[in-house]
N, C-alpha and C. Protein backbone atom coordinates (compact mmCIF):
# COMPACT_ATOMS: atom_id res chain seq x y z
N MET A 1 181.06 200.15 269.33
CA MET A 1 181.36 198.82 268.83
C MET A 1 182.54 198.84 267.89
N GLY A 2 182.46 199.62 266.81
CA GLY A 2 183.53 199.59 265.83
C GLY A 2 184.21 200.93 265.70
N ALA A 3 184.67 201.21 264.50
CA ALA A 3 185.45 202.41 264.26
C ALA A 3 184.58 203.67 264.23
N PHE A 4 183.55 203.69 263.40
CA PHE A 4 182.67 204.85 263.25
C PHE A 4 181.48 204.44 262.41
N TYR A 5 180.52 205.33 262.24
CA TYR A 5 179.32 205.05 261.46
C TYR A 5 179.37 205.76 260.11
N VAL A 6 178.82 205.09 259.09
CA VAL A 6 178.69 205.69 257.76
C VAL A 6 177.25 205.49 257.29
N THR A 7 176.81 206.35 256.39
CA THR A 7 175.48 206.20 255.81
C THR A 7 175.59 205.31 254.58
N THR A 8 174.77 204.27 254.54
CA THR A 8 174.73 203.38 253.38
C THR A 8 173.28 203.23 252.95
N GLY A 9 173.08 202.86 251.71
CA GLY A 9 171.74 202.58 251.21
C GLY A 9 171.53 201.08 251.14
N ILE A 10 170.40 200.61 251.63
CA ILE A 10 170.02 199.20 251.54
C ILE A 10 168.85 199.12 250.58
N GLY A 11 169.01 198.34 249.50
CA GLY A 11 168.01 198.29 248.45
C GLY A 11 166.81 197.44 248.77
N ARG A 12 165.67 197.87 248.25
CA ARG A 12 164.45 197.07 248.33
C ARG A 12 164.57 195.93 247.32
N ALA A 13 163.98 194.80 247.63
CA ALA A 13 164.05 193.64 246.75
C ALA A 13 163.21 193.83 245.49
N ASP A 14 162.16 194.65 245.55
CA ASP A 14 161.20 194.75 244.46
C ASP A 14 161.31 196.04 243.64
N SER A 15 162.31 196.87 243.92
CA SER A 15 162.45 198.13 243.16
C SER A 15 163.89 198.62 243.26
N GLY A 16 164.16 199.69 242.59
CA GLY A 16 165.49 200.29 242.64
C GLY A 16 165.64 201.31 243.75
N GLU A 17 164.70 201.32 244.71
CA GLU A 17 164.74 202.29 245.79
C GLU A 17 165.66 201.81 246.91
N PHE A 18 166.26 202.76 247.61
CA PHE A 18 167.17 202.46 248.70
C PHE A 18 166.73 203.19 249.97
N GLU A 19 166.90 202.52 251.08
CA GLU A 19 166.65 203.13 252.38
C GLU A 19 168.00 203.43 253.02
N GLU A 20 168.20 204.67 253.44
CA GLU A 20 169.47 205.03 254.07
C GLU A 20 169.49 204.58 255.52
N LEU A 21 170.59 203.93 255.91
CA LEU A 21 170.79 203.47 257.27
C LEU A 21 172.18 203.83 257.72
N GLN A 22 172.35 204.04 259.01
CA GLN A 22 173.67 204.25 259.60
C GLN A 22 174.27 202.89 259.90
N ALA A 23 175.48 202.66 259.42
CA ALA A 23 176.15 201.37 259.61
C ALA A 23 177.47 201.56 260.33
N ASP A 24 177.72 200.72 261.33
CA ASP A 24 178.99 200.69 262.04
C ASP A 24 180.00 200.00 261.13
N THR A 25 181.25 200.45 261.13
CA THR A 25 182.25 199.87 260.23
C THR A 25 183.15 198.83 260.89
N GLY A 26 182.89 198.46 262.12
CA GLY A 26 183.80 197.56 262.82
C GLY A 26 183.38 196.11 262.79
N ALA A 27 183.32 195.49 261.61
CA ALA A 27 182.89 194.09 261.52
C ALA A 27 183.53 193.41 260.32
N MET A 28 183.54 192.10 260.34
CA MET A 28 184.04 191.32 259.20
C MET A 28 182.96 191.18 258.12
N TRP A 29 181.75 190.81 258.53
CA TRP A 29 180.64 190.60 257.60
C TRP A 29 179.64 191.74 257.72
N THR A 30 178.95 192.04 256.64
CA THR A 30 177.86 193.00 256.71
C THR A 30 176.69 192.31 257.39
N TRP A 31 176.14 192.95 258.40
CA TRP A 31 175.10 192.40 259.26
C TRP A 31 173.95 193.39 259.26
N ILE A 32 172.81 192.95 258.77
CA ILE A 32 171.62 193.81 258.74
C ILE A 32 170.52 193.07 259.49
N PRO A 33 169.86 193.74 260.44
CA PRO A 33 168.82 193.07 261.19
C PRO A 33 167.76 192.41 260.29
N HIS A 34 167.38 191.21 260.66
CA HIS A 34 166.44 190.39 259.91
C HIS A 34 165.14 191.15 259.63
N ASP A 35 164.64 191.91 260.63
CA ASP A 35 163.37 192.62 260.45
C ASP A 35 163.47 193.70 259.37
N ILE A 36 164.61 194.35 259.26
CA ILE A 36 164.80 195.36 258.21
C ILE A 36 164.81 194.68 256.84
N LEU A 37 165.56 193.58 256.71
CA LEU A 37 165.63 192.88 255.42
C LEU A 37 164.27 192.34 255.01
N GLU A 38 163.50 191.81 255.95
CA GLU A 38 162.14 191.32 255.64
C GLU A 38 161.26 192.47 255.17
N ARG A 39 161.33 193.62 255.88
CA ARG A 39 160.52 194.78 255.50
C ARG A 39 160.86 195.25 254.09
N LEU A 40 162.13 195.11 253.70
CA LEU A 40 162.57 195.52 252.36
C LEU A 40 162.35 194.43 251.31
N GLY A 41 161.76 193.31 251.73
CA GLY A 41 161.38 192.26 250.78
C GLY A 41 162.42 191.20 250.50
N HIS A 42 163.49 191.13 251.29
CA HIS A 42 164.55 190.15 251.06
C HIS A 42 164.26 188.83 251.75
N LYS A 43 164.73 187.76 251.13
CA LYS A 43 164.62 186.42 251.71
C LYS A 43 166.01 185.79 251.69
N PRO A 44 166.39 185.11 252.78
CA PRO A 44 167.72 184.49 252.82
C PRO A 44 167.85 183.36 251.81
N THR A 45 169.07 183.19 251.32
CA THR A 45 169.34 182.12 250.34
C THR A 45 170.44 181.17 250.82
N ALA A 46 171.04 181.48 251.96
CA ALA A 46 172.17 180.68 252.46
C ALA A 46 172.24 180.82 253.97
N ARG A 47 173.21 180.14 254.54
CA ARG A 47 173.53 180.28 255.97
C ARG A 47 175.05 180.34 256.07
N ARG A 48 175.56 180.99 257.11
CA ARG A 48 177.00 181.08 257.34
C ARG A 48 177.29 180.76 258.80
N ARG A 49 178.30 179.92 259.01
CA ARG A 49 178.75 179.61 260.37
C ARG A 49 179.66 180.74 260.85
N MET A 50 179.39 181.22 262.07
CA MET A 50 180.15 182.33 262.63
C MET A 50 180.43 182.04 264.09
N GLN A 51 181.60 182.46 264.55
CA GLN A 51 181.96 182.29 265.95
C GLN A 51 181.91 183.64 266.65
N THR A 52 181.30 183.68 267.82
CA THR A 52 181.19 184.91 268.59
C THR A 52 182.41 185.08 269.48
N ALA A 53 182.54 186.25 270.08
CA ALA A 53 183.67 186.53 270.97
C ALA A 53 183.70 185.61 272.18
N ASP A 54 182.53 185.09 272.58
CA ASP A 54 182.50 184.16 273.72
C ASP A 54 182.51 182.70 273.27
N ASN A 55 182.98 182.46 272.05
CA ASN A 55 183.21 181.12 271.47
C ASN A 55 181.95 180.34 271.12
N ARG A 56 180.80 180.98 271.09
CA ARG A 56 179.60 180.29 270.60
C ARG A 56 179.67 180.26 269.07
N VAL A 57 179.13 179.20 268.47
CA VAL A 57 179.07 179.11 267.01
C VAL A 57 177.60 179.28 266.61
N LEU A 58 177.36 180.26 265.77
CA LEU A 58 176.02 180.55 265.25
C LEU A 58 175.98 180.20 263.77
N GLU A 59 174.79 180.00 263.25
CA GLU A 59 174.63 179.76 261.82
C GLU A 59 173.44 180.57 261.31
N PRO A 60 173.61 181.91 261.23
CA PRO A 60 172.50 182.77 260.81
C PRO A 60 172.23 182.68 259.31
N ASP A 61 171.02 183.12 258.95
CA ASP A 61 170.65 183.23 257.54
C ASP A 61 171.54 184.27 256.87
N ALA A 62 171.68 184.15 255.55
CA ALA A 62 172.49 185.09 254.77
C ALA A 62 171.94 185.15 253.35
N GLY A 63 172.34 186.16 252.62
CA GLY A 63 171.95 186.27 251.22
C GLY A 63 172.45 187.57 250.62
N PRO A 64 172.45 187.67 249.30
CA PRO A 64 172.89 188.91 248.65
C PRO A 64 171.85 190.01 248.84
N VAL A 65 172.33 191.21 249.13
CA VAL A 65 171.45 192.36 249.35
C VAL A 65 172.07 193.56 248.64
N PRO A 66 171.29 194.29 247.83
CA PRO A 66 171.84 195.49 247.19
C PRO A 66 172.21 196.55 248.22
N ILE A 67 173.44 197.02 248.13
CA ILE A 67 173.94 198.07 249.01
C ILE A 67 174.49 199.18 248.13
N LYS A 68 174.22 200.41 248.53
CA LYS A 68 174.71 201.57 247.78
C LYS A 68 175.67 202.35 248.65
N ILE A 69 176.87 202.55 248.13
CA ILE A 69 177.86 203.43 248.76
C ILE A 69 178.26 204.44 247.70
N GLY A 70 178.01 205.70 247.97
CA GLY A 70 178.24 206.73 246.95
C GLY A 70 177.29 206.47 245.79
N ASP A 71 177.83 206.39 244.57
CA ASP A 71 177.01 206.13 243.39
C ASP A 71 177.05 204.67 242.95
N GLU A 72 177.79 203.84 243.66
CA GLU A 72 177.95 202.44 243.25
C GLU A 72 176.99 201.53 244.02
N VAL A 73 176.44 200.55 243.30
CA VAL A 73 175.54 199.56 243.90
C VAL A 73 176.10 198.17 243.62
N LEU A 74 176.26 197.39 244.68
CA LEU A 74 176.68 195.99 244.58
C LEU A 74 175.76 195.17 245.48
N SER A 75 175.79 193.86 245.32
CA SER A 75 174.97 192.98 246.16
C SER A 75 175.85 191.96 246.89
N PRO A 76 176.56 192.41 247.91
CA PRO A 76 177.40 191.47 248.66
C PRO A 76 176.56 190.55 249.55
N LEU A 77 177.16 189.46 249.98
CA LEU A 77 176.50 188.56 250.91
C LEU A 77 176.36 189.26 252.25
N CYS A 78 175.16 189.29 252.78
CA CYS A 78 174.88 189.94 254.06
C CYS A 78 174.31 188.92 255.03
N ILE A 79 174.65 189.09 256.30
CA ILE A 79 174.13 188.25 257.36
C ILE A 79 172.83 188.85 257.86
N TYR A 80 171.81 188.00 258.04
CA TYR A 80 170.53 188.41 258.60
C TYR A 80 170.68 188.44 260.12
N GLY A 81 170.86 189.64 260.67
CA GLY A 81 171.15 189.78 262.09
C GLY A 81 169.92 189.74 262.96
N ASP A 82 170.17 189.74 264.25
CA ASP A 82 169.10 189.74 265.24
C ASP A 82 168.23 190.98 265.07
N PRO A 83 166.90 190.84 265.17
CA PRO A 83 166.03 192.01 265.08
C PRO A 83 166.43 193.06 266.11
N GLY A 84 166.47 194.32 265.68
CA GLY A 84 166.81 195.41 266.57
C GLY A 84 168.30 195.64 266.78
N SER A 85 169.15 194.80 266.20
CA SER A 85 170.59 194.98 266.37
C SER A 85 171.11 196.08 265.45
N HIS A 86 172.37 196.46 265.65
CA HIS A 86 173.00 197.49 264.83
C HIS A 86 173.28 196.98 263.43
N VAL A 87 173.23 197.88 262.45
CA VAL A 87 173.67 197.57 261.09
C VAL A 87 175.18 197.67 261.06
N LEU A 88 175.83 196.66 260.50
CA LEU A 88 177.29 196.63 260.41
C LEU A 88 177.69 196.53 258.94
N LEU A 89 178.55 197.43 258.49
CA LEU A 89 179.12 197.35 257.14
C LEU A 89 180.44 196.62 257.28
N GLY A 90 180.48 195.38 256.82
CA GLY A 90 181.64 194.54 257.04
C GLY A 90 182.79 194.78 256.08
N ALA A 91 183.96 194.33 256.52
CA ALA A 91 185.18 194.46 255.72
C ALA A 91 185.05 193.75 254.38
N THR A 92 184.33 192.61 254.35
CA THR A 92 184.18 191.90 253.08
C THR A 92 183.42 192.75 252.06
N SER A 93 182.38 193.46 252.51
CA SER A 93 181.64 194.34 251.60
C SER A 93 182.47 195.55 251.21
N MET A 94 183.18 196.14 252.17
CA MET A 94 184.02 197.29 251.84
C MET A 94 185.06 196.91 250.79
N GLN A 95 185.60 195.70 250.92
CA GLN A 95 186.60 195.23 249.96
C GLN A 95 185.99 195.16 248.56
N GLU A 96 184.75 194.69 248.45
CA GLU A 96 184.08 194.61 247.14
C GLU A 96 183.88 196.00 246.54
N PHE A 97 183.63 197.00 247.39
CA PHE A 97 183.44 198.37 246.92
C PHE A 97 184.77 199.11 246.71
N SER A 98 185.89 198.48 247.03
CA SER A 98 187.21 199.11 246.96
C SER A 98 187.29 200.37 247.81
N VAL A 99 186.75 200.26 249.03
CA VAL A 99 186.86 201.34 250.00
C VAL A 99 187.37 200.74 251.31
N GLY A 100 187.93 201.59 252.12
CA GLY A 100 188.40 201.18 253.43
C GLY A 100 188.08 202.25 254.45
N PRO A 101 188.09 201.89 255.73
CA PRO A 101 187.78 202.88 256.77
C PRO A 101 188.95 203.81 257.04
N ASP A 102 188.64 205.07 257.18
CA ASP A 102 189.60 206.08 257.64
C ASP A 102 189.07 206.54 259.00
N PRO A 103 189.47 205.85 260.09
CA PRO A 103 188.90 206.16 261.40
C PRO A 103 189.26 207.54 261.93
N ARG A 104 190.38 208.07 261.49
CA ARG A 104 190.78 209.41 261.96
C ARG A 104 189.80 210.47 261.49
N ASN A 105 189.39 210.37 260.21
CA ASN A 105 188.45 211.34 259.63
C ASN A 105 187.03 210.81 259.57
N GLU A 106 186.82 209.60 260.09
CA GLU A 106 185.50 208.95 260.16
C GLU A 106 184.77 208.98 258.81
N ARG A 107 185.42 208.37 257.83
CA ARG A 107 184.82 208.26 256.49
C ARG A 107 185.42 207.06 255.78
N LEU A 108 184.79 206.68 254.69
CA LEU A 108 185.32 205.64 253.82
C LEU A 108 186.17 206.30 252.75
N VAL A 109 187.29 205.67 252.42
CA VAL A 109 188.19 206.22 251.42
C VAL A 109 188.46 205.15 250.36
N PRO A 110 188.73 205.56 249.13
CA PRO A 110 189.07 204.59 248.08
C PRO A 110 190.37 203.86 248.41
N VAL A 111 190.41 202.58 248.10
CA VAL A 111 191.64 201.80 248.25
C VAL A 111 191.91 201.06 246.95
N VAL A 112 193.16 200.74 246.73
CA VAL A 112 193.56 199.98 245.55
C VAL A 112 193.59 198.51 245.94
N GLY A 113 192.88 197.69 245.21
CA GLY A 113 192.87 196.26 245.49
C GLY A 113 194.19 195.61 245.11
N LEU A 114 194.51 194.53 245.79
CA LEU A 114 195.74 193.80 245.51
C LEU A 114 195.47 192.66 244.53
N LEU A 115 196.24 192.60 243.48
CA LEU A 115 196.14 191.53 242.49
C LEU A 115 197.50 190.89 242.39
N MET A 116 197.77 190.00 243.33
CA MET A 116 199.07 189.33 243.34
C MET A 116 198.93 187.97 244.00
N SER A 117 199.89 187.15 243.77
CA SER A 117 199.90 185.80 244.32
C SER A 117 201.17 185.57 245.11
N LEU A 118 201.08 184.71 246.09
CA LEU A 118 202.28 184.32 246.84
C LEU A 118 203.18 183.42 246.02
N PHE A 119 202.66 182.91 244.91
CA PHE A 119 203.38 181.90 244.14
C PHE A 119 203.99 182.47 242.86
N GLU A 120 204.09 183.77 242.72
CA GLU A 120 204.68 184.36 241.52
C GLU A 120 206.19 184.31 241.56
């Protein structure tokens, strides 16, 4: 599907524990199957409109979910995906963690965020 897989931690809603999952890096949004998020105690708080490759428009559940990459934990907005689907670590989440994909070496690498405006 995407570039490569990385190991990420998905946090439980009721504790500081994390479950390690393999996540594909080839996506815009982080997508975690609904059944996994329910098992970990998460409940959706929003919905997001998304267009599929075949031009269908979906509006899946979404909400913040604790994710651990390395030693850092953040709670980016995650899409509640179809049960049994692949876990996807999206570009929006990677951007929050200041990491990017290195497909040649199949790993995440630190990146420097851009702090600039077109109007300067």
